[in-house]
Amino acid sequence: MSTHPNQQKRGFLYHLIDITLNIVIIVSIVAVIRTFVVSPFQVEGNSMADTLRDKEYIVINKFRYIVGSPERGDIVVFKPLVDEAKYYVKRVIGLPGDTIVIRDGDVFLRKDGKDIEIQEPYLSEKNADHTYRAPVNSGDTSETIYNIPEDQYFVLGDNRMGSLDSRSFMADGDPLPFVPQDHIKGSVWFVALPITKIHAIEPPNYDLEP
C-alpha cells in the first residue's frame, strides 16, 4: 500500500517541527541553567594561586546566591565597581558590617574590640603572613582598617603579593575596596579542566571566637 504524497509531505513537516521544538526546548533549558544555576568560566592569571591556576576552567554555582548570601571563605566570581566590563575571581574575607584589619602581614577580624587573626590554611608558604597594604608586593606591614558597609564584601586573592583585589581597587584616585552583593555572580563550585585537576572547592572552617 503506497503513501499519498501529501501525507508524506505532512509527515516530513511534523518531523521537522518536532526536531525544531526539541532544539528550542534544549537551548532554553541550557540558557536557564547558565543564567540561574551554573556557568563555566576560565581563570585568567594567578591571583588565586595556589588554589586556582591560570587557564583552569571552573564551574560556578549561581543559584546559591539567589537563595542566600556569600559567606566568609567563599571563592566568588564578580564584577568590581572599578572594572564592570570584566569578571574577577577572589575569596570573600569580610562580610557586611565587619571591620577587617590588615597588619604585620596578617588579616584580622575586629570583633567586640578585639582583633582575631583569620587563620588561612589555603595560603601557600610564599603568601602566608604576607598580606600587605597596596601596592600588594610593597612589604608595607602598617595597619589598614576596612569598615565594610551593608550589602558589600571585602575580597582578597590567595596570591597575596600578586593579586588585584580590595586592597588596590581604585577609581580616579579614590579607593573602592568593596564589592556590592549584586555584582557577585556566583561561588566557585569545582575545577572542571584540566581533567587531572578536577576537584570540588571546599569552604574553609574559620574559628573566629574571641
N, C-alpha and C. Protein backbone atom coordinates (compact mmCIF):
# COMPACT_ATOMS: atom_id res chain seq x y z
N MET A 1 0.85 -1.20 0.00
CA MET A 1 0.00 0.00 0.00
C MET A 1 0.88 1.24 0.00
N SER A 2 0.73 2.12 -0.94
CA SER A 2 1.58 3.31 -1.07
C SER A 2 1.03 4.46 -0.24
N THR A 3 1.92 5.39 0.13
CA THR A 3 1.54 6.57 0.90
C THR A 3 1.33 7.73 -0.05
N HIS A 4 0.26 8.45 0.17
CA HIS A 4 -0.05 9.60 -0.68
C HIS A 4 1.04 10.67 -0.50
N PRO A 5 1.45 11.34 -1.59
CA PRO A 5 2.49 12.39 -1.49
C PRO A 5 2.17 13.46 -0.46
N ASN A 6 0.90 13.83 -0.32
CA ASN A 6 0.54 14.87 0.66
C ASN A 6 0.77 14.39 2.09
N GLN A 7 0.49 13.07 2.30
CA GLN A 7 0.74 12.50 3.63
C GLN A 7 2.24 12.47 3.94
N GLN A 8 3.04 12.14 2.91
CA GLN A 8 4.49 12.15 3.10
C GLN A 8 4.98 13.56 3.45
N LYS A 9 4.42 14.54 2.75
CA LYS A 9 4.83 15.93 2.98
C LYS A 9 4.46 16.37 4.39
N ARG A 10 3.19 16.00 4.81
CA ARG A 10 2.77 16.37 6.17
C ARG A 10 3.62 15.66 7.22
N GLY A 11 3.97 14.39 6.95
CA GLY A 11 4.80 13.65 7.90
C GLY A 11 6.17 14.27 8.05
N PHE A 12 6.75 14.68 6.94
CA PHE A 12 8.06 15.34 6.99
C PHE A 12 7.98 16.66 7.74
N LEU A 13 6.89 17.42 7.50
CA LEU A 13 6.71 18.71 8.15
C LEU A 13 6.57 18.54 9.66
N TYR A 14 5.76 17.55 10.08
CA TYR A 14 5.60 17.29 11.52
C TYR A 14 6.94 16.89 12.14
N HIS A 15 7.70 16.08 11.43
CA HIS A 15 9.01 15.64 11.92
C HIS A 15 9.95 16.85 12.08
N LEU A 16 9.93 17.75 11.10
CA LEU A 16 10.77 18.95 11.15
C LEU A 16 10.37 19.84 12.32
N ILE A 17 9.05 20.01 12.52
CA ILE A 17 8.56 20.83 13.64
C ILE A 17 8.97 20.21 14.97
N ASP A 18 8.88 18.88 15.05
CA ASP A 18 9.25 18.18 16.28
C ASP A 18 10.73 18.39 16.60
N ILE A 19 11.59 18.28 15.59
CA ILE A 19 13.03 18.49 15.79
C ILE A 19 13.30 19.92 16.23
N THR A 20 12.66 20.87 15.54
CA THR A 20 12.86 22.29 15.86
C THR A 20 12.41 22.61 17.28
N LEU A 21 11.25 22.05 17.66
CA LEU A 21 10.72 22.28 19.01
C LEU A 21 11.66 21.72 20.06
N ASN A 22 12.20 20.54 19.82
CA ASN A 22 13.15 19.94 20.76
C ASN A 22 14.41 20.77 20.90
N ILE A 23 14.90 21.29 19.77
CA ILE A 23 16.09 22.15 19.82
C ILE A 23 15.82 23.40 20.63
N VAL A 24 14.65 24.02 20.40
CA VAL A 24 14.29 25.24 21.13
C VAL A 24 14.20 24.95 22.63
N ILE A 25 13.59 23.82 22.98
CA ILE A 25 13.46 23.46 24.39
C ILE A 25 14.83 23.23 25.02
N ILE A 26 15.71 22.50 24.33
CA ILE A 26 17.05 22.22 24.86
C ILE A 26 17.85 23.50 25.04
N VAL A 27 17.80 24.37 24.02
CA VAL A 27 18.53 25.64 24.09
C VAL A 27 17.99 26.49 25.24
N SER A 28 16.68 26.49 25.42
CA SER A 28 16.07 27.27 26.51
C SER A 28 16.49 26.75 27.87
N ILE A 29 16.50 25.42 28.01
CA ILE A 29 16.92 24.82 29.28
C ILE A 29 18.37 25.16 29.60
N VAL A 30 19.23 25.04 28.58
CA VAL A 30 20.65 25.38 28.76
C VAL A 30 20.80 26.85 29.14
N ALA A 31 20.03 27.73 28.48
CA ALA A 31 20.11 29.16 28.78
C ALA A 31 19.68 29.45 30.21
N VAL A 32 18.61 28.79 30.66
CA VAL A 32 18.14 28.99 32.03
C VAL A 32 19.18 28.49 33.03
N ILE A 33 19.75 27.32 32.75
CA ILE A 33 20.78 26.76 33.64
C ILE A 33 21.98 27.70 33.73
N ARG A 34 22.46 28.21 32.58
CA ARG A 34 23.62 29.10 32.58
C ARG A 34 23.31 30.42 33.26
N THR A 35 22.07 30.88 33.16
CA THR A 35 21.70 32.17 33.73
C THR A 35 21.47 32.09 35.22
N PHE A 36 20.82 31.02 35.69
CA PHE A 36 20.37 30.98 37.07
C PHE A 36 20.99 29.87 37.92
N VAL A 37 21.64 28.90 37.32
CA VAL A 37 22.11 27.76 38.11
C VAL A 37 23.62 27.65 38.11
N VAL A 38 24.22 27.21 37.00
CA VAL A 38 25.67 27.06 36.93
C VAL A 38 26.19 27.66 35.63
N SER A 39 27.47 27.99 35.63
CA SER A 39 28.09 28.55 34.43
C SER A 39 29.59 28.30 34.47
N PRO A 40 30.21 28.02 33.31
CA PRO A 40 31.66 27.82 33.28
C PRO A 40 32.41 29.13 33.09
N PHE A 41 33.61 29.22 33.66
CA PHE A 41 34.50 30.37 33.47
C PHE A 41 35.92 29.85 33.34
N GLN A 42 36.75 30.63 32.67
CA GLN A 42 38.17 30.30 32.61
C GLN A 42 38.94 31.29 33.47
N VAL A 43 39.83 30.77 34.30
CA VAL A 43 40.65 31.61 35.17
C VAL A 43 41.73 32.29 34.32
N GLU A 44 41.89 33.60 34.54
CA GLU A 44 42.95 34.35 33.87
C GLU A 44 43.93 34.86 34.91
N GLY A 45 45.19 34.46 34.79
CA GLY A 45 46.19 34.91 35.74
C GLY A 45 46.29 34.02 36.96
N ASN A 46 47.22 34.37 37.85
CA ASN A 46 47.49 33.53 39.03
C ASN A 46 47.20 34.26 40.34
N SER A 47 46.21 35.16 40.33
CA SER A 47 45.91 35.90 41.55
C SER A 47 45.31 35.01 42.64
N MET A 48 44.82 33.81 42.25
CA MET A 48 44.26 32.88 43.24
C MET A 48 45.16 31.67 43.47
N ALA A 49 46.39 31.71 42.98
CA ALA A 49 47.33 30.61 43.19
C ALA A 49 47.65 30.49 44.69
N ASP A 50 47.78 29.32 45.24
CA ASP A 50 47.83 28.03 44.57
C ASP A 50 46.46 27.36 44.44
N THR A 51 45.40 28.02 44.89
CA THR A 51 44.07 27.40 44.89
C THR A 51 43.55 27.21 43.47
N LEU A 52 43.65 28.26 42.65
CA LEU A 52 43.26 28.21 41.25
C LEU A 52 44.42 28.70 40.40
N ARG A 53 44.57 28.11 39.22
CA ARG A 53 45.70 28.43 38.35
C ARG A 53 45.23 29.03 37.03
N ASP A 54 46.11 29.78 36.40
CA ASP A 54 45.84 30.37 35.10
C ASP A 54 45.39 29.30 34.10
N LYS A 55 44.34 29.62 33.33
CA LYS A 55 43.80 28.78 32.25
C LYS A 55 42.95 27.62 32.74
N GLU A 56 42.82 27.42 34.04
CA GLU A 56 41.91 26.39 34.52
C GLU A 56 40.46 26.81 34.26
N TYR A 57 39.62 25.82 34.00
CA TYR A 57 38.19 26.08 33.84
C TYR A 57 37.48 25.73 35.14
N ILE A 58 36.64 26.65 35.57
CA ILE A 58 35.89 26.46 36.80
C ILE A 58 34.40 26.53 36.50
N VAL A 59 33.61 25.89 37.35
CA VAL A 59 32.15 25.97 37.25
C VAL A 59 31.65 26.68 38.49
N ILE A 60 30.81 27.71 38.27
CA ILE A 60 30.30 28.47 39.41
C ILE A 60 28.83 28.15 39.65
N ASN A 61 28.46 28.22 40.91
CA ASN A 61 27.08 27.99 41.35
C ASN A 61 26.41 29.35 41.50
N LYS A 62 25.50 29.68 40.58
CA LYS A 62 24.80 30.96 40.64
C LYS A 62 23.58 30.90 41.56
N PHE A 63 22.95 29.74 41.60
CA PHE A 63 21.70 29.61 42.35
C PHE A 63 21.92 29.86 43.84
N ARG A 64 23.10 29.54 44.32
CA ARG A 64 23.39 29.67 45.75
C ARG A 64 23.12 31.07 46.27
N TYR A 65 23.47 32.08 45.47
CA TYR A 65 23.28 33.46 45.93
C TYR A 65 21.95 34.06 45.51
N ILE A 66 21.15 33.28 44.81
CA ILE A 66 19.77 33.69 44.58
C ILE A 66 18.96 33.42 45.84
N VAL A 67 19.30 32.34 46.53
CA VAL A 67 18.56 31.96 47.74
C VAL A 67 19.32 32.29 49.02
N GLY A 68 20.58 32.72 48.91
CA GLY A 68 21.38 33.02 50.09
C GLY A 68 22.40 34.11 49.81
N SER A 69 23.34 34.27 50.71
CA SER A 69 24.35 35.32 50.61
C SER A 69 25.75 34.71 50.68
N PRO A 70 26.75 35.41 50.14
CA PRO A 70 28.13 34.92 50.24
C PRO A 70 28.55 34.78 51.70
N GLU A 71 29.40 33.79 51.94
CA GLU A 71 29.93 33.55 53.28
C GLU A 71 31.44 33.73 53.28
N ARG A 72 31.99 33.98 54.45
CA ARG A 72 33.43 34.15 54.57
C ARG A 72 34.15 32.89 54.09
N GLY A 73 35.13 33.07 53.23
CA GLY A 73 35.87 31.94 52.70
C GLY A 73 35.41 31.50 51.33
N ASP A 74 34.22 31.91 50.91
CA ASP A 74 33.75 31.57 49.57
C ASP A 74 34.69 32.15 48.51
N ILE A 75 34.94 31.39 47.46
CA ILE A 75 35.63 31.93 46.28
C ILE A 75 34.54 32.33 45.30
N VAL A 76 34.53 33.59 44.91
CA VAL A 76 33.41 34.13 44.13
C VAL A 76 33.89 34.73 42.81
N VAL A 77 32.98 34.72 41.84
CA VAL A 77 33.20 35.41 40.57
C VAL A 77 32.32 36.66 40.60
N PHE A 78 32.90 37.80 40.26
CA PHE A 78 32.18 39.07 40.41
C PHE A 78 32.74 40.11 39.43
N LYS A 79 32.01 41.22 39.32
CA LYS A 79 32.48 42.38 38.57
C LYS A 79 32.70 43.52 39.57
N PRO A 80 33.95 43.96 39.77
CA PRO A 80 34.20 45.05 40.72
C PRO A 80 33.70 46.37 40.18
N LEU A 81 33.45 47.32 41.07
CA LEU A 81 32.99 48.65 40.67
C LEU A 81 34.01 49.34 39.77
N VAL A 82 35.28 48.99 39.93
CA VAL A 82 36.33 49.67 39.16
C VAL A 82 36.48 49.13 37.75
N ASP A 83 35.87 47.97 37.46
CA ASP A 83 36.04 47.36 36.14
C ASP A 83 34.85 46.45 35.86
N GLU A 84 33.70 47.05 35.57
CA GLU A 84 32.47 46.28 35.42
C GLU A 84 32.39 45.54 34.09
N ALA A 85 33.40 45.71 33.25
CA ALA A 85 33.40 45.00 31.97
C ALA A 85 34.07 43.63 32.07
N LYS A 86 34.63 43.32 33.23
CA LYS A 86 35.42 42.10 33.36
C LYS A 86 35.07 41.36 34.64
N TYR A 87 35.10 40.02 34.55
CA TYR A 87 34.88 39.20 35.73
C TYR A 87 36.20 38.97 36.47
N TYR A 88 36.13 38.99 37.80
CA TYR A 88 37.27 38.68 38.66
C TYR A 88 36.89 37.47 39.52
N VAL A 89 37.91 36.76 39.99
CA VAL A 89 37.67 35.67 40.93
C VAL A 89 38.57 35.88 42.15
N LYS A 90 37.96 35.98 43.33
CA LYS A 90 38.69 36.20 44.58
C LYS A 90 37.97 35.47 45.72
N ARG A 91 38.56 35.58 46.91
CA ARG A 91 37.97 34.94 48.09
C ARG A 91 37.34 36.00 48.99
N VAL A 92 36.14 35.72 49.48
CA VAL A 92 35.46 36.62 50.42
C VAL A 92 36.14 36.51 51.78
N ILE A 93 36.61 37.65 52.27
CA ILE A 93 37.25 37.68 53.59
C ILE A 93 36.41 38.47 54.59
N GLY A 94 35.79 39.55 54.13
CA GLY A 94 34.98 40.39 55.01
C GLY A 94 33.53 40.44 54.57
N LEU A 95 32.62 40.34 55.56
CA LEU A 95 31.19 40.35 55.30
C LEU A 95 30.59 41.71 55.65
N PRO A 96 29.36 41.97 55.21
CA PRO A 96 28.72 43.25 55.55
C PRO A 96 28.71 43.50 57.05
N GLY A 97 29.13 44.71 57.43
CA GLY A 97 29.18 45.09 58.85
C GLY A 97 30.47 44.73 59.56
N ASP A 98 31.33 43.94 58.92
CA ASP A 98 32.62 43.56 59.52
C ASP A 98 33.59 44.75 59.54
N THR A 99 34.54 44.67 60.45
CA THR A 99 35.73 45.51 60.40
C THR A 99 36.92 44.58 60.19
N ILE A 100 37.57 44.74 59.04
CA ILE A 100 38.73 43.92 58.69
C ILE A 100 39.99 44.77 58.86
N VAL A 101 40.99 44.19 59.51
CA VAL A 101 42.25 44.89 59.77
C VAL A 101 43.39 44.10 59.14
N ILE A 102 44.21 44.79 58.35
CA ILE A 102 45.43 44.18 57.81
C ILE A 102 46.62 44.80 58.54
N ARG A 103 47.45 43.94 59.16
CA ARG A 103 48.56 44.45 59.97
C ARG A 103 49.63 43.37 60.09
N ASP A 104 50.87 43.78 59.96
CA ASP A 104 52.02 42.87 60.14
C ASP A 104 51.94 41.65 59.23
N GLY A 105 51.35 41.83 58.05
CA GLY A 105 51.29 40.74 57.07
C GLY A 105 50.14 39.78 57.27
N ASP A 106 49.30 40.02 58.28
CA ASP A 106 48.18 39.12 58.56
C ASP A 106 46.86 39.87 58.47
N VAL A 107 45.77 39.10 58.48
CA VAL A 107 44.42 39.66 58.36
C VAL A 107 43.64 39.34 59.62
N PHE A 108 42.94 40.35 60.15
CA PHE A 108 42.22 40.20 61.40
C PHE A 108 40.77 40.63 61.23
N LEU A 109 39.90 40.01 62.03
CA LEU A 109 38.52 40.47 62.18
C LEU A 109 38.42 41.15 63.53
N ARG A 110 38.03 42.43 63.51
CA ARG A 110 37.86 43.16 64.77
C ARG A 110 36.45 42.88 65.29
N LYS A 111 36.41 42.23 66.45
CA LYS A 111 35.13 41.76 67.00
C LYS A 111 35.10 42.04 68.50
N ASP A 112 34.09 42.79 68.92
CA ASP A 112 33.94 43.14 70.34
C ASP A 112 35.21 43.79 70.88
N GLY A 113 35.83 44.64 70.06
CA GLY A 113 37.01 45.37 70.48
C GLY A 113 38.31 44.58 70.43
N LYS A 114 38.24 43.33 69.97
CA LYS A 114 39.44 42.50 69.88
C LYS A 114 39.73 42.16 68.43
N ASP A 115 41.02 42.10 68.09
CA ASP A 115 41.44 41.69 66.75
C ASP A 115 41.74 40.20 66.75
N ILE A 116 40.92 39.45 66.01
CA ILE A 116 41.08 37.99 65.93
C ILE A 116 41.69 37.65 64.59
N GLU A 117 42.85 37.01 64.60
CA GLU A 117 43.50 36.67 63.34
C GLU A 117 42.69 35.63 62.58
N ILE A 118 42.50 35.89 61.29
CA ILE A 118 41.81 34.94 60.42
C ILE A 118 42.85 33.93 59.93
N GLN A 119 42.74 32.72 60.42
CA GLN A 119 43.68 31.67 60.02
C GLN A 119 43.34 31.20 58.61
N GLU A 120 44.32 31.18 57.71
CA GLU A 120 44.07 30.90 56.30
C GLU A 120 44.97 29.76 55.81
N PRO A 121 44.57 28.52 56.06
CA PRO A 121 45.42 27.38 55.71
C PRO A 121 45.59 27.16 54.21
N TYR A 122 44.75 27.78 53.41
CA TYR A 122 44.83 27.64 51.95
C TYR A 122 45.94 28.49 51.34
N LEU A 123 46.52 29.40 52.11
CA LEU A 123 47.61 30.22 51.58
C LEU A 123 48.89 29.39 51.50
N SER A 124 49.63 29.58 50.41
CA SER A 124 50.91 28.88 50.24
C SER A 124 51.94 29.45 51.21
N GLU A 125 53.04 28.75 51.34
CA GLU A 125 54.12 29.22 52.20
C GLU A 125 54.61 30.60 51.77
N LYS A 126 54.60 30.85 50.47
CA LYS A 126 55.03 32.14 49.92
C LYS A 126 54.11 33.27 50.37
N ASN A 127 52.82 32.98 50.51
CA ASN A 127 51.83 34.03 50.79
C ASN A 127 51.40 34.13 52.24
N ALA A 128 51.58 33.08 53.01
CA ALA A 128 51.20 33.13 54.42
C ALA A 128 51.99 34.22 55.14
N ASP A 129 51.30 35.03 55.92
CA ASP A 129 51.91 36.14 56.68
C ASP A 129 52.49 37.22 55.78
N HIS A 130 52.01 37.29 54.52
CA HIS A 130 52.50 38.30 53.59
C HIS A 130 51.35 39.06 52.93
N THR A 131 50.33 39.38 53.72
CA THR A 131 49.23 40.21 53.22
C THR A 131 49.56 41.66 53.55
N TYR A 132 49.96 42.42 52.53
CA TYR A 132 50.39 43.80 52.73
C TYR A 132 49.34 44.77 52.19
N ARG A 133 49.44 46.00 52.65
CA ARG A 133 48.58 47.04 52.08
C ARG A 133 49.07 47.37 50.68
N ALA A 134 48.22 48.02 49.88
CA ALA A 134 48.59 48.35 48.50
C ALA A 134 49.77 49.33 48.47
N PRO A 135 50.67 49.15 47.46
CA PRO A 135 50.71 48.07 46.47
C PRO A 135 51.03 46.74 47.14
N VAL A 136 50.41 45.69 46.64
CA VAL A 136 50.34 44.43 47.39
C VAL A 136 51.67 43.73 47.57
N ASN A 137 52.67 44.10 46.78
CA ASN A 137 54.00 43.48 46.93
C ASN A 137 54.98 44.45 47.59
N SER A 138 54.43 45.46 48.28
CA SER A 138 55.26 46.51 48.86
C SER A 138 56.02 46.08 50.10
N GLY A 139 55.49 45.10 50.81
CA GLY A 139 56.09 44.73 52.09
C GLY A 139 55.67 45.67 53.21
N ASP A 140 54.71 46.57 52.93
CA ASP A 140 54.23 47.54 53.92
C ASP A 140 53.32 46.83 54.93
N THR A 141 53.79 46.71 56.16
CA THR A 141 53.06 45.97 57.19
C THR A 141 52.24 46.88 58.10
N SER A 142 52.19 48.19 57.79
CA SER A 142 51.43 49.11 58.63
C SER A 142 49.94 48.79 58.58
N GLU A 143 49.22 49.23 59.59
CA GLU A 143 47.82 48.84 59.75
C GLU A 143 46.89 49.57 58.78
N THR A 144 45.97 48.82 58.20
CA THR A 144 44.90 49.37 57.38
C THR A 144 43.59 48.79 57.87
N ILE A 145 42.59 49.65 58.02
CA ILE A 145 41.29 49.23 58.56
C ILE A 145 40.21 49.42 57.50
N TYR A 146 39.38 48.39 57.33
CA TYR A 146 38.28 48.45 56.38
C TYR A 146 36.97 48.21 57.12
N ASN A 147 36.11 49.21 57.14
CA ASN A 147 34.78 49.06 57.72
C ASN A 147 33.81 48.78 56.57
N ILE A 148 33.28 47.58 56.53
CA ILE A 148 32.53 47.13 55.37
C ILE A 148 31.06 47.54 55.49
N PRO A 149 30.54 48.26 54.49
CA PRO A 149 29.12 48.68 54.52
C PRO A 149 28.18 47.49 54.35
N GLU A 150 26.91 47.75 54.62
CA GLU A 150 25.89 46.72 54.41
C GLU A 150 25.81 46.35 52.93
N ASP A 151 25.53 45.08 52.67
CA ASP A 151 25.36 44.55 51.31
C ASP A 151 26.62 44.64 50.46
N GLN A 152 27.80 44.74 51.13
CA GLN A 152 29.05 44.77 50.39
C GLN A 152 30.06 43.83 51.06
N TYR A 153 31.10 43.49 50.28
CA TYR A 153 32.04 42.46 50.72
C TYR A 153 33.47 42.90 50.45
N PHE A 154 34.38 42.35 51.25
CA PHE A 154 35.82 42.60 51.11
C PHE A 154 36.45 41.32 50.60
N VAL A 155 37.20 41.41 49.50
CA VAL A 155 37.75 40.20 48.86
C VAL A 155 39.26 40.30 48.70
N LEU A 156 39.92 39.15 48.78
CA LEU A 156 41.36 39.06 48.57
C LEU A 156 41.66 37.86 47.68
N GLY A 157 42.74 37.97 46.90
CA GLY A 157 43.24 36.82 46.16
C GLY A 157 44.13 35.99 47.07
N ASP A 158 44.20 34.69 46.83
CA ASP A 158 45.06 33.82 47.64
C ASP A 158 46.54 34.07 47.36
N ASN A 159 46.86 34.61 46.19
CA ASN A 159 48.23 35.02 45.89
C ASN A 159 48.39 36.46 46.38
N ARG A 160 48.63 36.61 47.67
CA ARG A 160 48.53 37.91 48.32
C ARG A 160 49.49 38.97 47.79
N MET A 161 50.61 38.54 47.21
CA MET A 161 51.56 39.53 46.69
C MET A 161 51.45 39.68 45.18
N GLY A 162 50.39 39.09 44.60
CA GLY A 162 50.22 39.20 43.15
C GLY A 162 48.75 39.23 42.77
N SER A 163 47.94 39.97 43.54
CA SER A 163 46.51 39.99 43.30
C SER A 163 45.97 41.41 43.30
N LEU A 164 45.17 41.72 42.28
CA LEU A 164 44.42 42.97 42.25
C LEU A 164 43.09 42.71 42.94
N ASP A 165 42.95 43.23 44.16
CA ASP A 165 41.76 42.92 44.96
C ASP A 165 41.33 44.13 45.78
N SER A 166 40.59 43.91 46.85
CA SER A 166 40.02 45.02 47.63
C SER A 166 41.06 46.00 48.14
N ARG A 167 42.28 45.55 48.31
CA ARG A 167 43.34 46.45 48.80
C ARG A 167 43.72 47.51 47.78
N SER A 168 43.53 47.19 46.49
CA SER A 168 44.04 48.10 45.46
C SER A 168 42.99 48.55 44.46
N PHE A 169 41.70 48.20 44.66
CA PHE A 169 40.66 48.70 43.77
C PHE A 169 40.53 50.21 43.95
N MET A 170 40.73 50.96 42.85
CA MET A 170 40.63 52.43 42.90
C MET A 170 40.03 52.93 41.60
N ALA A 171 39.36 54.09 41.70
CA ALA A 171 38.84 54.77 40.51
C ALA A 171 39.04 56.27 40.69
N ASP A 172 39.73 56.90 39.73
CA ASP A 172 40.02 58.34 39.78
C ASP A 172 40.75 58.72 41.07
N GLY A 173 41.62 57.83 41.52
CA GLY A 173 42.42 58.11 42.70
C GLY A 173 41.72 57.82 44.02
N ASP A 174 40.45 57.42 43.97
CA ASP A 174 39.71 57.12 45.19
C ASP A 174 39.58 55.62 45.39
N PRO A 175 39.79 55.14 46.61
CA PRO A 175 39.66 53.69 46.85
C PRO A 175 38.20 53.24 46.75
N LEU A 176 38.00 52.09 46.10
CA LEU A 176 36.68 51.44 46.02
C LEU A 176 36.86 49.97 46.42
N PRO A 177 37.14 49.73 47.69
CA PRO A 177 37.58 48.40 48.10
C PRO A 177 36.50 47.33 48.17
N PHE A 178 35.24 47.74 48.17
CA PHE A 178 34.19 46.76 48.47
C PHE A 178 33.41 46.36 47.22
N VAL A 179 32.86 45.14 47.28
CA VAL A 179 32.11 44.57 46.16
C VAL A 179 30.65 44.44 46.57
N PRO A 180 29.74 45.14 45.88
CA PRO A 180 28.31 45.01 46.20
C PRO A 180 27.82 43.58 45.93
N GLN A 181 26.86 43.14 46.73
CA GLN A 181 26.38 41.76 46.58
C GLN A 181 25.80 41.53 45.19
N ASP A 182 25.12 42.53 44.61
CA ASP A 182 24.52 42.30 43.30
C ASP A 182 25.55 42.25 42.17
N HIS A 183 26.83 42.49 42.47
CA HIS A 183 27.90 42.33 41.50
C HIS A 183 28.53 40.94 41.56
N ILE A 184 28.15 40.17 42.56
CA ILE A 184 28.69 38.82 42.72
C ILE A 184 27.81 37.84 41.96
N LYS A 185 28.40 37.12 41.01
CA LYS A 185 27.63 36.26 40.12
C LYS A 185 27.45 34.85 40.63
N GLY A 186 28.37 34.39 41.47
CA GLY A 186 28.24 33.04 42.00
C GLY A 186 29.50 32.60 42.71
N SER A 187 29.43 31.44 43.35
CA SER A 187 30.59 30.89 44.05
C SER A 187 31.21 29.77 43.21
N VAL A 188 32.52 29.64 43.31
CA VAL A 188 33.22 28.59 42.57
C VAL A 188 32.87 27.24 43.20
N TRP A 189 32.31 26.36 42.36
CA TRP A 189 31.85 25.05 42.82
C TRP A 189 32.95 24.01 42.67
N PHE A 190 33.53 23.92 41.47
CA PHE A 190 34.63 22.98 41.28
C PHE A 190 35.47 23.37 40.08
N VAL A 191 36.70 22.85 40.05
CA VAL A 191 37.58 22.98 38.90
C VAL A 191 37.22 21.88 37.92
N ALA A 192 36.94 22.24 36.66
CA ALA A 192 36.46 21.28 35.67
C ALA A 192 37.55 20.81 34.71
N LEU A 193 38.48 21.69 34.39
CA LEU A 193 39.56 21.37 33.46
C LEU A 193 40.83 22.07 33.91
N PRO A 194 42.01 21.47 33.66
CA PRO A 194 42.23 20.19 33.00
C PRO A 194 41.73 19.01 33.84
N ILE A 195 41.54 17.89 33.15
CA ILE A 195 40.96 16.71 33.80
C ILE A 195 41.77 16.28 35.02
N THR A 196 43.10 16.42 34.93
CA THR A 196 43.95 15.99 36.04
C THR A 196 43.79 16.87 37.28
N LYS A 197 43.13 18.02 37.11
CA LYS A 197 42.95 18.95 38.23
C LYS A 197 41.52 19.00 38.74
N ILE A 198 40.64 18.14 38.24
CA ILE A 198 39.24 18.18 38.66
C ILE A 198 39.12 17.96 40.17
N HIS A 199 38.46 18.91 40.83
CA HIS A 199 38.19 18.74 42.26
C HIS A 199 37.17 19.79 42.70
N ALA A 200 36.44 19.47 43.75
CA ALA A 200 35.48 20.41 44.32
C ALA A 200 36.21 21.40 45.22
N ILE A 201 35.66 22.60 45.32
CA ILE A 201 36.22 23.63 46.20
C ILE A 201 35.55 23.52 47.57
N GLU A 202 36.34 23.22 48.56
CA GLU A 202 35.82 23.07 49.92
C GLU A 202 35.97 24.39 50.68
N PRO A 203 34.90 24.87 51.30
CA PRO A 203 35.00 26.12 52.07
C PRO A 203 35.81 25.92 53.34
N PRO A 204 36.61 26.91 53.72
CA PRO A 204 37.38 26.78 54.96
C PRO A 204 36.47 26.90 56.18
N ASN A 205 36.94 26.38 57.27
CA ASN A 205 36.19 26.46 58.53
C ASN A 205 36.95 27.39 59.47
N TYR A 206 36.53 28.66 59.52
CA TYR A 206 37.21 29.64 60.37
C TYR A 206 36.73 29.53 61.81
N ASP A 207 37.64 29.65 62.74
CA ASP A 207 37.31 29.74 64.16
C ASP A 207 37.60 31.17 64.59
N LEU A 208 36.55 31.97 64.70
CA LEU A 208 36.73 33.40 64.96
C LEU A 208 36.11 33.82 66.28
N GLU A 209 36.06 32.91 67.21
CA GLU A 209 35.57 33.27 68.54
C GLU A 209 36.66 34.02 69.30
N PRO A 210 36.30 35.12 69.95
CA PRO A 210 37.32 35.88 70.70
C PRO A 210 37.84 35.11 71.90
